[in-house]
Protein backbone atom coordinates (compact mmCIF):
# COMPACT_ATOMS: atom_id res chain seq x y z
CA UNK A 1 -65.13 15.06 14.73
CA UNK A 2 -66.77 18.73 15.23
CA UNK A 3 -66.65 19.79 18.65
CA UNK A 4 -70.26 20.61 20.05
CA UNK A 5 -71.39 24.09 20.31
CA UNK A 6 -71.56 22.90 24.19
CA UNK A 7 -71.59 26.16 26.25
CA UNK A 8 -73.68 28.86 24.05
CA UNK A 9 -75.49 30.95 25.93
CA UNK A 10 -75.31 34.02 24.79
CA UNK A 11 -74.48 36.22 21.72
CA UNK A 12 -73.88 39.64 23.29
CA UNK A 13 -70.99 40.29 25.28
CA UNK A 14 -72.71 42.76 27.33
CA UNK A 15 -72.67 39.46 29.69
CA UNK A 16 -69.60 38.41 29.26
CA UNK A 17 -68.52 42.53 30.43
CA UNK A 18 -70.42 42.54 33.01
CA UNK A 19 -68.76 38.99 34.51
CA UNK A 20 -65.52 40.58 33.72
CA UNK A 21 -66.29 43.72 36.36
CA UNK A 22 -66.77 41.19 39.12
CA UNK A 23 -63.37 41.45 39.68
CA UNK A 24 -63.12 44.88 40.57
CA UNK A 25 -66.66 44.34 43.02
CA UNK A 26 -68.52 41.20 44.44
CA UNK A 27 -66.62 38.19 42.91
CA UNK A 28 -62.85 38.45 41.16
CA UNK A 29 -61.27 40.81 42.55
CA UNK A 30 -57.69 39.63 42.00
CA UNK A 31 -58.08 37.42 39.61
CA UNK A 32 -58.32 39.13 36.13
CA UNK A 33 -54.99 39.95 34.83
CA UNK A 34 -52.83 38.68 37.81
CA UNK A 35 -52.03 35.48 34.70
CA UNK A 36 -50.65 37.04 30.97
CA UNK A 37 -52.05 33.58 29.32
CA UNK A 38 -49.53 32.86 25.99
CA UNK A 39 -50.31 29.45 24.10
CA UNK A 40 -47.15 27.55 24.83
CA UNK A 41 -49.59 25.90 27.18
CA UNK A 42 -45.89 24.38 29.10
CA UNK A 43 -46.16 22.68 32.24
CA UNK A 44 -43.85 23.70 34.80
CA UNK A 45 -41.39 21.48 37.18
CA UNK A 46 -43.45 20.06 39.59
CA UNK A 47 -40.07 19.90 41.47
CA UNK A 48 -40.71 22.33 44.78
CA UNK A 49 -38.25 24.17 44.93
CA UNK A 50 -36.39 24.88 48.68
CA UNK A 51 -37.14 28.77 49.29
CA UNK A 52 -40.41 31.17 49.05
CA UNK A 53 -38.89 33.09 46.35
CA UNK A 54 -38.66 29.81 43.96
CA UNK A 55 -41.34 27.72 44.26
CA UNK A 56 -43.61 31.87 44.04
CA UNK A 57 -41.80 32.17 40.65
CA UNK A 58 -42.68 28.74 39.79
CA UNK A 59 -46.32 29.50 40.56
CA UNK A 60 -45.83 32.78 37.99
CA UNK A 61 -44.19 31.12 35.13
CA UNK A 62 -47.05 28.22 35.51
CA UNK A 63 -49.53 30.71 35.17
CA UNK A 64 -48.21 32.73 32.24
CA UNK A 65 -47.55 28.99 30.83
CA UNK A 66 -51.52 28.07 31.58
CA UNK A 67 -51.00 25.74 33.63
CA UNK A 68 -52.87 26.22 36.73
CA UNK A 69 -52.75 22.50 38.04
CA UNK A 70 -48.67 23.83 38.47
CA UNK A 71 -49.51 27.45 40.03
CA UNK A 72 -52.04 25.64 42.39
CA UNK A 73 -49.06 23.51 44.00
CA UNK A 74 -46.72 25.84 43.76
CA UNK A 75 -48.43 28.63 45.65
CA UNK A 76 -49.33 26.37 47.83
CA UNK A 77 -45.69 25.43 48.42
CA UNK A 78 -45.16 29.03 48.74
CA UNK A 79 -47.61 29.52 51.81
CA UNK A 80 -45.54 27.43 53.92
CA UNK A 81 -42.55 29.71 53.78
CA UNK A 82 -45.37 32.43 54.79
CA UNK A 83 -48.30 31.58 56.07
CA UNK A 84 -49.11 34.90 57.11
CA UNK A 85 -48.74 36.43 53.17
CA UNK A 86 -52.05 37.43 52.69
CA UNK A 87 -51.34 37.55 48.45
CA UNK A 88 -49.84 34.05 48.40
CA UNK A 89 -52.98 32.79 50.22
CA UNK A 90 -55.50 34.89 47.91
CA UNK A 91 -53.43 33.54 44.84
CA UNK A 92 -53.46 29.91 46.43
CA UNK A 93 -56.86 30.62 46.33
CA UNK A 94 -58.23 31.61 42.95
CA UNK A 95 -55.68 28.50 41.90
CA UNK A 96 -57.16 26.00 44.42
CA UNK A 97 -60.60 26.74 43.59
CA UNK A 98 -59.31 26.46 39.30
CA UNK A 99 -58.21 22.91 39.54
CA UNK A 100 -61.72 22.14 41.76
CA UNK A 101 -59.43 21.48 45.11
CA UNK A 102 -62.77 22.61 47.00
CA UNK A 103 -61.26 20.91 50.17
CA UNK A 104 -58.49 22.79 50.03
CA UNK A 105 -59.93 25.91 48.58
CA UNK A 106 -62.81 26.38 51.25
CA UNK A 107 -60.96 26.28 54.52
CA UNK A 108 -58.34 28.93 53.31
CA UNK A 109 -60.93 31.04 51.29
CA UNK A 110 -61.71 31.68 55.66
CA UNK A 111 -58.24 32.53 56.07
CA UNK A 112 -58.12 34.70 52.89
CA UNK A 113 -61.46 36.72 54.27
CA UNK A 114 -59.97 37.26 58.05
CA UNK A 115 -56.90 39.39 56.17
CA UNK A 116 -57.71 40.64 53.55
CA UNK A 117 -61.97 41.92 54.02
CA UNK A 118 -62.18 43.39 50.89
CA UNK A 119 -61.17 39.87 48.82
CA UNK A 120 -64.18 39.18 46.42
CA UNK A 121 -62.86 35.67 45.31
CA UNK A 122 -62.76 34.79 49.25
CA UNK A 123 -66.10 35.78 49.36
CA UNK A 124 -67.42 34.51 46.47
CA UNK A 125 -65.76 30.89 47.58
CA UNK A 126 -67.89 31.80 51.12
CA UNK A 127 -70.88 32.65 49.59
CA UNK A 128 -70.97 29.21 47.47
CA UNK A 129 -70.00 27.03 50.65
CA UNK A 130 -73.34 28.42 52.61
CA UNK A 131 -75.52 28.19 49.80
CA UNK A 132 -74.45 24.42 49.68
CA UNK A 133 -74.67 23.74 52.84
CA UNK A 134 -78.94 25.94 52.44
CA UNK A 135 -77.25 28.97 54.55
CA UNK A 136 -79.06 31.29 52.35
CA UNK A 137 -79.07 33.98 54.67
CA UNK A 138 -75.47 33.47 55.59
CA UNK A 139 -74.75 33.45 51.59
CA UNK A 140 -76.78 36.58 51.51
CA UNK A 141 -74.79 38.46 53.98
CA UNK A 142 -71.83 36.93 53.01
CA UNK A 143 -72.37 38.62 48.84
CA UNK A 144 -73.84 41.88 51.31
CA UNK A 145 -69.92 42.73 52.10
CA UNK A 146 -68.85 43.90 48.88
CA UNK A 147 -69.09 47.21 47.35
CA UNK A 148 -72.01 48.99 47.70
CA UNK A 149 -72.92 49.73 43.67
CA UNK A 150 -74.64 46.28 43.55
CA UNK A 151 -78.20 46.89 42.34
CA UNK A 152 -77.25 47.48 38.82
CA UNK A 153 -74.82 44.27 38.49
CA UNK A 154 -76.39 41.29 36.96
CA UNK A 155 -75.04 38.15 38.98
CA UNK A 156 -75.38 40.10 42.39
CA UNK A 157 -78.61 40.29 41.38
CA UNK A 158 -78.86 36.69 40.92
CA UNK A 159 -77.07 35.48 43.55
CA UNK A 160 -79.20 37.73 45.73
CA UNK A 161 -82.73 36.20 43.92
CA UNK A 162 -81.76 32.77 44.28
CA UNK A 163 -80.89 32.85 48.37
CA UNK A 164 -84.71 35.19 48.88
CA UNK A 165 -85.80 31.80 46.96
CA UNK A 166 -83.93 29.56 49.35
CA UNK A 167 -85.10 31.50 52.25
CA UNK A 168 -88.84 31.28 51.21
CA UNK A 169 -89.28 34.75 50.25
CA UNK A 170 -89.88 34.73 46.34
CA UNK A 171 -91.38 38.41 46.26
CA UNK A 172 -88.25 39.15 47.16
CA UNK A 173 -86.51 37.51 44.77
CA UNK A 174 -88.46 38.60 42.05
CA UNK A 175 -87.16 42.30 43.19
CA UNK A 176 -83.91 41.24 43.00
CA UNK A 177 -83.88 39.59 39.34
CA UNK A 178 -86.06 42.47 38.16
CA UNK A 179 -83.59 45.00 38.82
CA UNK A 180 -81.40 43.47 35.85
CA UNK A 181 -82.31 45.80 32.74
CA UNK A 182 -83.30 45.49 28.99
CA UNK A 183 -80.01 45.46 27.46
CA UNK A 184 -79.33 42.68 24.69
CA UNK A 185 -78.04 39.34 26.56
CA UNK A 186 -79.29 40.46 30.33
CA UNK A 187 -82.77 40.45 29.45
CA UNK A 188 -82.14 36.97 28.32
CA UNK A 189 -80.37 35.97 31.27
CA UNK A 190 -82.96 38.11 33.67
CA UNK A 191 -86.40 36.28 31.39
CA UNK A 192 -84.39 32.77 32.28
CA UNK A 193 -83.65 33.33 35.83
CA UNK A 194 -86.69 34.98 36.55
CA UNK A 195 -88.40 31.65 35.06
CA UNK A 196 -86.29 29.23 36.95
CA UNK A 197 -86.93 31.00 40.26
CA UNK A 198 -90.60 31.02 39.49
CA UNK A 199 -90.68 26.96 38.63
CA UNK A 200 -88.42 25.99 41.53
CA UNK A 201 -90.92 28.07 43.40
CA UNK A 202 -94.32 26.36 42.26
CA UNK A 203 -95.42 29.38 40.53
CA UNK A 204 -96.02 27.54 36.96
CA UNK A 205 -97.99 30.30 35.53
CA UNK A 206 -94.93 32.91 36.19
CA UNK A 207 -92.40 30.80 35.22
CA UNK A 208 -94.46 29.77 31.48
CA UNK A 209 -94.38 33.64 30.48
CA UNK A 210 -90.80 34.55 31.90
CA UNK A 211 -89.15 30.86 30.17
CA UNK A 212 -91.31 31.42 26.90
CA UNK A 213 -90.75 35.32 26.80
CA UNK A 214 -86.97 34.35 26.95
CA UNK A 215 -87.07 31.86 24.81
CA UNK A 216 -88.84 33.51 21.97
CA UNK A 217 -86.16 36.82 22.38
CA UNK A 218 -83.30 34.03 21.91
CA UNK A 219 -84.40 30.72 20.32
CA UNK A 220 -80.97 29.85 19.21
CA UNK A 221 -78.98 29.88 21.75
CA UNK A 222 -79.44 25.96 22.67
CA UNK A 223 -79.57 26.17 26.58
CA UNK A 224 -82.60 28.38 27.13
CA UNK A 225 -84.28 26.58 24.93
CA UNK A 226 -83.19 23.23 26.73
CA UNK A 227 -84.45 24.72 29.95
CA UNK A 228 -87.95 26.19 28.39
CA UNK A 229 -87.99 22.04 26.89
CA UNK A 230 -87.90 20.92 30.33
CA UNK A 231 -90.30 23.29 31.94
CA UNK A 232 -92.86 22.31 29.11
CA UNK A 233 -91.77 18.72 29.83
CA UNK A 234 -92.53 19.24 34.13
CA UNK A 235 -96.08 20.40 32.64
CA UNK A 236 -96.93 17.40 30.74
CA UNK A 237 -96.49 19.30 27.54
CA UNK A 238 -94.65 16.81 26.02
CA UNK A 239 -95.75 18.11 22.32
CA UNK A 240 -95.03 21.88 22.87
CA UNK A 241 -91.68 20.79 24.79
CA UNK A 242 -90.92 17.86 20.99
CA UNK A 243 -91.60 21.16 18.81
CA UNK A 244 -88.73 22.75 20.51
CA UNK A 245 -86.19 20.28 20.43
CA UNK A 246 -86.84 19.35 17.06
CA UNK A 247 -86.22 23.62 16.28
CA UNK A 248 -83.12 22.84 17.58
CA UNK A 249 -82.35 19.97 15.83
CA UNK A 250 -82.05 22.39 12.68
CA UNK A 251 -79.60 24.42 14.09
CA UNK A 252 -77.61 21.57 16.09
CA UNK A 253 -78.19 18.32 14.16
CA UNK A 254 -75.44 16.17 16.05
CA UNK A 255 -76.08 17.45 19.51
CA UNK A 256 -76.64 14.91 21.59
CA UNK A 257 -78.38 16.60 24.62
CA UNK A 258 -81.06 17.65 21.57
CA UNK A 259 -81.52 14.28 20.01
CA UNK A 260 -81.36 12.34 23.23
CA UNK A 261 -84.50 14.19 24.67
CA UNK A 262 -85.64 13.58 21.27
CA UNK A 263 -85.39 10.11 21.13
CA UNK A 264 -86.58 9.77 25.03
CA UNK A 265 -90.09 12.26 24.44
CA UNK A 266 -90.47 10.14 21.43
CA UNK A 267 -90.20 6.87 22.93
CA UNK A 268 -92.00 8.34 26.25
CA UNK A 269 -89.53 8.32 28.41
CA UNK A 270 -88.33 10.79 30.89
CA UNK A 271 -86.02 13.30 30.18
CA UNK A 272 -84.24 15.22 33.24
CA UNK A 273 -85.33 18.13 35.10
CA UNK A 274 -81.78 19.82 35.44
CA UNK A 275 -82.71 22.73 37.74
CA UNK A 276 -84.77 21.23 40.97
CA UNK A 277 -83.53 23.52 43.34
CA UNK A 278 -81.90 26.98 44.81
CA UNK A 279 -78.41 25.04 44.63
CA UNK A 280 -79.10 24.25 40.93
CA UNK A 281 -80.52 27.67 39.63
CA UNK A 282 -76.94 29.26 41.56
CA UNK A 283 -74.72 26.28 39.51
CA UNK A 284 -76.71 27.78 36.63
CA UNK A 285 -76.04 31.25 37.05
CA UNK A 286 -72.28 30.62 37.54
CA UNK A 287 -71.78 27.87 34.81
CA UNK A 288 -73.93 31.35 32.32
CA UNK A 289 -70.62 33.01 34.22
CA UNK A 290 -68.19 31.01 33.09
CA UNK A 291 -69.13 29.99 29.33
CA UNK A 292 -69.29 33.67 29.17
CA UNK A 293 -65.91 34.32 29.95
CA UNK A 294 -64.06 31.98 28.54
CA UNK A 295 -65.46 33.05 25.31
CA UNK A 296 -63.55 36.30 25.37
CA UNK A 297 -60.69 34.57 26.36
CA UNK A 298 -60.16 34.72 30.15
CA UNK A 299 -59.88 31.29 31.02
CA UNK A 300 -58.64 31.16 34.70
CA UNK A 301 -62.11 32.81 35.58
CA UNK A 302 -63.59 30.74 33.35
CA UNK A 303 -62.44 28.10 35.67
CA UNK A 304 -63.26 29.11 38.53
CA UNK A 305 -66.94 29.64 37.97
CA UNK A 306 -67.81 26.63 36.53
CA UNK A 307 -66.15 24.48 39.29
CA UNK A 308 -67.97 26.61 41.60
CA UNK A 309 -70.88 25.81 39.78
CA UNK A 310 -70.03 21.76 39.35
CA UNK A 311 -69.22 22.30 43.49
CA UNK A 312 -73.12 23.36 44.04
CA UNK A 313 -74.18 20.94 41.40
CA UNK A 314 -72.14 17.80 40.84
CA UNK A 315 -75.15 16.92 37.73
CA UNK A 316 -74.15 19.79 36.14
CA UNK A 317 -72.87 17.84 32.91
CA UNK A 318 -72.98 21.08 30.53
CA UNK A 319 -70.66 22.20 33.64
CA UNK A 320 -67.80 19.64 33.48
CA UNK A 321 -67.75 19.68 29.52
CA UNK A 322 -67.56 23.36 29.54
CA UNK A 323 -64.36 22.67 32.23
CA UNK A 324 -62.90 19.75 29.99
CA UNK A 325 -63.27 22.27 26.63
CA UNK A 326 -61.54 25.45 28.66
CA UNK A 327 -58.28 23.31 29.39
CA UNK A 328 -58.35 22.40 25.71
CA UNK A 329 -58.29 26.05 24.44
CA UNK A 330 -55.16 26.70 27.12
CA UNK A 331 -53.64 23.16 26.03
CA UNK A 332 -53.95 21.24 28.68
CA UNK A 333 -54.57 17.79 28.00
CA UNK A 334 -54.20 15.53 30.37
CA UNK A 335 -56.55 18.01 32.73
CA UNK A 336 -59.01 17.82 30.20
CA UNK A 337 -58.92 14.17 29.75
CA UNK A 338 -59.38 14.37 33.77
CA UNK A 339 -62.14 16.88 33.47
CA UNK A 340 -64.02 14.41 31.12
CA UNK A 341 -64.42 12.03 33.55
CA UNK A 342 -66.44 14.21 35.76
CA UNK A 343 -69.56 13.50 33.38
CA UNK A 344 -71.41 11.19 34.45
CA UNK A 345 -71.82 7.46 32.68
CA UNK A 346 -75.42 8.48 32.47
CA UNK A 347 -75.48 11.53 30.46
CA UNK A 348 -75.63 12.14 26.94
CA UNK A 349 -72.65 14.30 26.62
CA UNK A 350 -70.50 10.55 27.72
CA UNK A 351 -70.20 9.68 24.29
CA UNK A 352 -69.02 13.18 23.30
CA UNK A 353 -66.46 13.03 27.18
CA UNK A 354 -64.91 9.67 25.71
CA UNK A 355 -64.25 10.76 22.12
CA UNK A 356 -62.85 14.00 23.06
CA UNK A 357 -60.47 12.16 25.69
CA UNK A 358 -59.10 9.96 23.01
CA UNK A 359 -58.27 13.36 20.53
CA UNK A 360 -56.20 14.03 24.11
CA UNK A 361 -54.63 11.01 24.08
CA UNK A 362 -53.73 11.48 20.48
CA UNK A 363 -52.53 14.86 21.43
CA UNK A 364 -50.66 13.54 24.93
CA UNK A 365 -48.75 11.28 21.90
CA UNK A 366 -50.60 8.45 23.58
CA UNK A 367 -51.23 6.93 20.01
CA UNK A 368 -51.81 3.36 20.31
CA UNK A 369 -54.29 4.42 22.94
CA UNK A 370 -55.88 7.35 21.55
CA UNK A 371 -57.12 4.53 18.62
CA UNK A 372 -57.85 1.61 21.05
CA UNK A 373 -60.20 4.33 22.78
CA UNK A 374 -62.09 5.40 19.53
CA UNK A 375 -62.35 1.68 18.36
CA UNK A 376 -63.79 0.85 21.68
CA UNK A 377 -66.40 3.51 22.05
CA UNK A 378 -67.51 2.80 18.38
CA UNK A 379 -68.09 -0.97 19.29
CA UNK A 380 -69.72 0.29 22.34
CA UNK A 381 -72.16 2.52 20.03
CA UNK A 382 -72.36 0.57 16.56
CA UNK A 383 -75.30 3.62 16.19
CA UNK A 384 -73.17 6.44 16.56
CA UNK A 385 -71.13 7.93 13.88
CA UNK A 386 -68.71 10.52 15.87
CA UNK A 387 -65.76 7.78 16.90
CA UNK A 388 -65.55 6.55 13.44
CA UNK A 389 -65.07 10.53 12.58
CA UNK A 390 -62.44 10.87 15.10
CA UNK A 391 -60.89 8.27 14.02
CA UNK A 392 -60.38 8.65 10.59
CA UNK A 393 -59.74 12.42 11.67
CA UNK A 394 -56.72 10.79 13.72
CA UNK A 395 -55.80 8.72 11.07
CA UNK A 396 -55.70 11.90 7.91
CA UNK A 397 -54.24 14.18 10.79
CA UNK A 398 -51.04 11.30 10.91
CA UNK A 399 -51.29 10.72 7.21
CA UNK A 400 -52.73 7.01 7.27
CA UNK A 401 -54.42 8.20 4.47
CA UNK A 402 -55.87 4.57 3.59
CA UNK A 403 -56.94 4.27 7.27
CA UNK A 404 -58.40 7.33 7.20
CA UNK A 405 -60.69 6.55 3.68
CA UNK A 406 -61.56 3.44 5.28
CA UNK A 407 -62.78 4.64 8.53
CA UNK A 408 -64.82 7.49 6.70
CA UNK A 409 -66.36 4.80 4.37
CA UNK A 410 -67.37 3.07 7.15
CA UNK A 411 -68.71 6.22 8.77
CA UNK A 412 -70.81 6.92 5.94
CA UNK A 413 -71.98 3.67 5.19
CA UNK A 414 -73.59 3.23 8.84
CA UNK A 415 -75.35 7.07 8.73
CA UNK A 416 -77.66 5.92 6.31
CA UNK A 417 -79.46 9.07 4.33
CA UNK A 418 -76.58 11.90 4.78
CA UNK A 419 -78.05 15.21 5.86
CA UNK A 420 -76.52 18.86 4.82
CA UNK A 421 -74.92 18.86 8.78
CA UNK A 422 -72.99 15.04 6.70
CA UNK A 423 -70.81 17.86 4.07
CA UNK A 424 -68.12 17.37 6.07
CA UNK A 425 -67.74 13.56 6.05
CA UNK A 426 -67.64 13.52 2.27
CA UNK A 427 -65.46 16.95 2.22
CA UNK A 428 -62.91 14.32 4.63
CA UNK A 429 -62.89 11.50 2.88
CA UNK A 430 -62.39 13.16 -0.10
CA UNK A 431 -59.32 14.94 0.99
CA UNK A 432 -57.96 11.22 1.72
CA UNK A 433 -58.70 9.36 -1.45
CA UNK A 434 -57.30 12.84 -3.09
CA UNK A 435 -53.57 12.15 -1.11
CA UNK A 436 -53.69 8.61 -2.35
CA UNK A 437 -54.18 10.04 -6.12
CA UNK A 438 -57.25 8.73 -6.41
CA UNK A 439 -59.25 11.50 -7.76
CA UNK A 440 -62.69 10.37 -9.81
CA UNK A 441 -63.29 9.28 -6.63
CA UNK A 442 -62.31 12.35 -4.65
CA UNK A 443 -63.67 14.49 -7.11
CA UNK A 444 -66.73 12.97 -6.61
CA UNK A 445 -66.77 13.22 -2.61
CA UNK A 446 -66.02 17.19 -2.66
CA UNK A 447 -69.73 17.29 -5.55
CA UNK A 448 -71.43 15.23 -2.88
CA UNK A 449 -70.10 17.67 0.09
CA UNK A 450 -71.17 20.36 -2.34
CA UNK A 451 -74.48 19.11 -2.58
CA UNK A 452 -75.02 18.49 0.74
CA UNK A 453 -74.23 22.38 1.34
CA UNK A 454 -73.72 24.00 -1.95
CA UNK A 455 -71.62 26.95 -0.45
CA UNK A 456 -69.26 25.64 2.25
CA UNK A 457 -65.90 27.64 1.39
CA UNK A 458 -63.59 24.75 2.76
CA UNK A 459 -64.96 22.41 -0.06
CA UNK A 460 -65.15 25.27 -2.80
CA UNK A 461 -61.85 26.00 -2.41
CA UNK A 462 -59.96 22.85 -2.15
CA UNK A 463 -61.81 21.68 -5.51
CA UNK A 464 -61.23 24.66 -7.34
CA UNK A 465 -57.99 24.85 -6.67
CA UNK A 466 -57.44 20.98 -7.41
CA UNK A 467 -58.86 22.44 -10.75
CA UNK A 468 -56.67 24.57 -11.04
CA UNK A 469 -53.74 22.33 -10.70
CA UNK A 470 -55.07 19.72 -12.93
CA UNK A 471 -55.62 23.13 -15.71
CA UNK A 472 -59.12 21.50 -15.93
CA UNK A 473 -62.51 23.06 -15.33
CA UNK A 474 -60.89 26.43 -15.45
CA UNK A 475 -63.63 28.63 -15.23
CA UNK A 476 -65.95 26.83 -12.97
CA UNK A 477 -62.97 26.46 -10.45
CA UNK A 478 -62.51 30.33 -10.77
CA UNK A 479 -66.37 30.89 -9.64
CA UNK A 480 -65.38 28.72 -6.65
CA UNK A 481 -62.24 30.44 -5.71
CA UNK A 482 -64.29 33.33 -5.60
CA UNK A 483 -67.01 32.58 -3.96
CA UNK A 484 -64.72 30.61 -1.37
CA UNK A 485 -62.71 34.48 -0.50
CA UNK A 486 -65.83 36.06 -0.44
CA UNK A 487 -67.32 34.00 2.47
CA UNK A 488 -63.79 33.57 3.83
CA UNK A 489 -61.89 36.66 2.93
CA UNK A 490 -59.61 36.47 6.19
CA UNK A 491 -58.67 32.73 5.55
CA UNK A 492 -55.39 32.83 4.17
CA UNK A 493 -55.61 29.22 2.94
CA UNK A 494 -58.01 30.34 1.07
CA UNK A 495 -57.07 33.60 -0.52
CA UNK A 496 -53.77 31.70 -1.71
CA UNK A 497 -55.42 29.50 -3.45
CA UNK A 498 -57.29 32.13 -5.46
CA UNK A 499 -54.02 33.63 -6.07
CA UNK A 500 -52.35 30.55 -7.07
CA UNK A 501 -55.05 30.18 -9.30
CA UNK A 502 -53.86 33.49 -11.41
CA UNK A 503 -50.26 32.47 -10.73
CA UNK A 504 -51.12 29.49 -13.11
CA UNK A 505 -52.75 31.18 -15.64
CA UNK A 506 -49.96 33.24 -15.92
CA UNK A 507 -51.61 36.42 -14.14
CA UNK A 508 -49.08 37.61 -12.21
CA UNK A 509 -49.99 40.99 -10.96
CA UNK A 510 -53.54 39.68 -9.86
CA UNK A 511 -51.78 36.71 -8.03
CA UNK A 512 -48.99 39.08 -5.97
CA UNK A 513 -51.89 40.91 -4.94
CA UNK A 514 -53.29 38.40 -3.32
CA UNK A 515 -50.36 35.96 -2.48
CA UNK A 516 -49.42 38.59 -0.48
CA UNK A 517 -52.29 39.13 1.75
CA UNK A 518 -52.18 35.59 2.23
CA UNK A 519 -48.50 35.71 4.10
CA UNK A 520 -49.91 38.37 6.48
CA UNK A 521 -52.81 36.18 7.00
CA UNK A 522 -50.67 32.68 7.59
CA UNK A 523 -47.07 34.04 7.66
CA UNK A 524 -45.88 30.81 9.03
CA UNK A 525 -47.14 28.13 6.81
CA UNK A 526 -44.52 27.26 4.10
CA UNK A 527 -46.55 26.27 1.05
CA UNK A 528 -48.11 30.06 1.19
CA UNK A 529 -44.23 31.82 1.46
CA UNK A 530 -43.36 29.34 -1.27
CA UNK A 531 -46.18 30.40 -3.67
CA UNK A 532 -45.07 34.20 -3.15
CA UNK A 533 -41.49 33.35 -3.95
CA UNK A 534 -42.82 31.97 -7.35
CA UNK A 535 -44.93 34.73 -8.33
CA UNK A 536 -41.89 37.40 -6.81
CA UNK A 537 -39.53 35.26 -9.59
CA UNK A 538 -42.21 35.53 -12.31
CA UNK A 539 -41.82 39.08 -11.86
CA UNK A 540 -38.32 39.07 -11.90
CA UNK A 541 -38.18 40.16 -8.11
CA UNK A 542 -35.30 37.20 -7.64
CA UNK A 543 -34.06 38.32 -4.63
CA UNK A 544 -36.98 38.71 -2.97
CA UNK A 545 -38.52 35.46 -3.75
CA UNK A 546 -35.22 33.22 -2.79
CA UNK A 547 -35.85 34.95 0.61
CA UNK A 548 -39.26 33.43 0.08
CA UNK A 549 -38.66 30.19 -0.61
CA UNK A 550 -35.41 30.22 2.52
CA UNK A 551 -38.24 31.80 4.79
CA UNK A 552 -40.86 28.23 3.51
CA UNK A 553 -37.65 25.95 3.42
CA UNK A 554 -37.20 26.80 7.31
CA UNK A 555 -40.91 26.61 8.03
CA UNK A 556 -40.61 23.18 7.95
CA UNK A 557 -42.61 22.03 4.68
CA UNK A 558 -44.05 18.92 3.96
CA UNK A 559 -41.52 16.53 2.93
CA UNK A 560 -41.83 15.66 -0.75
CA UNK A 561 -41.92 19.66 -1.11
CA UNK A 562 -38.73 20.23 0.90
CA UNK A 563 -36.56 19.23 -2.17
CA UNK A 564 -38.60 21.04 -4.75
CA UNK A 565 -38.19 24.42 -2.52
CA UNK A 566 -33.90 23.48 -2.97
CA UNK A 567 -33.95 23.33 -6.14
CA UNK A 568 -35.66 26.30 -6.66
CA UNK A 569 -32.87 28.41 -4.02
CA UNK A 570 -30.15 27.35 -6.17
CA UNK A 571 -31.35 27.47 -9.78
CA UNK A 572 -34.73 29.24 -10.00
CA UNK A 573 -37.98 28.95 -11.56
CA UNK A 574 -36.80 27.36 -15.15
CA UNK A 575 -37.89 29.60 -18.03
CA UNK A 576 -41.63 29.62 -19.34
CA UNK A 577 -42.53 27.63 -22.29
CA UNK A 578 -44.87 28.84 -24.98
CA UNK A 579 -48.27 29.41 -23.53
CA UNK A 580 -47.18 28.21 -20.20
CA UNK A 581 -48.61 30.12 -16.73
CA UNK A 582 -46.69 28.89 -13.80
């Protein structure tokens, strides 16, 4: 199943840049750069050491292995050996916040602040705690203890603005938010929160003006449009809100929030108003920051912002979903599963959470449980095809192509009239059928996918490559493959397909250029390395050919491909027959 774009906030990198700047100012003073994230996702040994150095090193390893859960445990254990260490306390605070362990983190924030008055992370935690308790003046005083150069800082101004609103001073709130400039991204963020502050403060005309301006400045951003529509609903302007959601549906046809809002409005049901008070507003600020920095590769900072957003507003289901998504980026499926449990059962996002939970169980090799969850979800949501699509994808990944094809067929039968957004369903079933050697049916599905979405490079590539392999429809195949490469010039698989087509026609010089580029793009793919070896052999570069075939052999090729590779390593390619290509 496609993962829904649940954390689209702003496309401009400015907000992420400003959020990162907090590491030097008001907020995350020592967070960024503490951990060098890798792709391993390995979890540290959770058996505590008997020494400070052992636990400290284990915490560092856990951090570098994308495992904030274990890091928080080891830093907390380290403090027992050196309870006066300001550095250990601050590192423990960071990881505890990232894990959402507020009962432990918030008291520790007071300790860190006493030992290090310049700790931005401690001030952030203290300020959020004060906001949770409705002590807005206290929160504002805490935030002011940071750098004095906050006049142009987006986050500092937004936090101050919302605390002024909480104190009943909407004039000062507007003054604070209006200090934010008009740079791309920042302008939309300013207008959005000016409108939300006005809405909470009972200034409907001001709210309408600002929220409409934010929406018109970036109508394709789901969250901005959603919050504008929620305001319109609060003003009994249902038809206008429906128009906003229907416009969103064109961009995100399968997004559960959009579909649920349209269904509720058409049936005269209520749509939840998510920004009801200052805590919700500040949670939205933190959610926006967390979404911005996670797209910029700073997942630990993102987790802290998102956890604090969810702490302030426990029904902020988008923040919970973003937390789970961040753990998935960190390749921490068990933590992602735990985060998905934060999403309310009544939320339209619950279906997405259950499907993603099953996919994470699959990653944990809990295969039977993953299938059982998806079947159960599908049974309980018979009008939804997402669980069936996810189940089909699971079967296809396991190479259970018969089960995959049958499951995709059930989804196609249930969807009714297909729309352009359903191209991937026919494409996926086509792959399963092709692997079952049911080519006429597969070809029909690929053509249907292109009928729904004519320029999809994945479909163009797969169908074009298949035709080249079958030595049929070559002119149309080349047109498709060239169009696919034009759209995805950095996709090694697609570049390889066009190169392989030239190889099959015996145009080895053209093939060589594309194949070498494909290997540069996908150096660890056995098929692409195997193909390059074939090209080298036909060009008389036999030593280089065997090198590539040996490399392909070592890259764990498909079981059916390995004997062919081994034979080529031993004997090379057979001589060409008259009129043949590759």
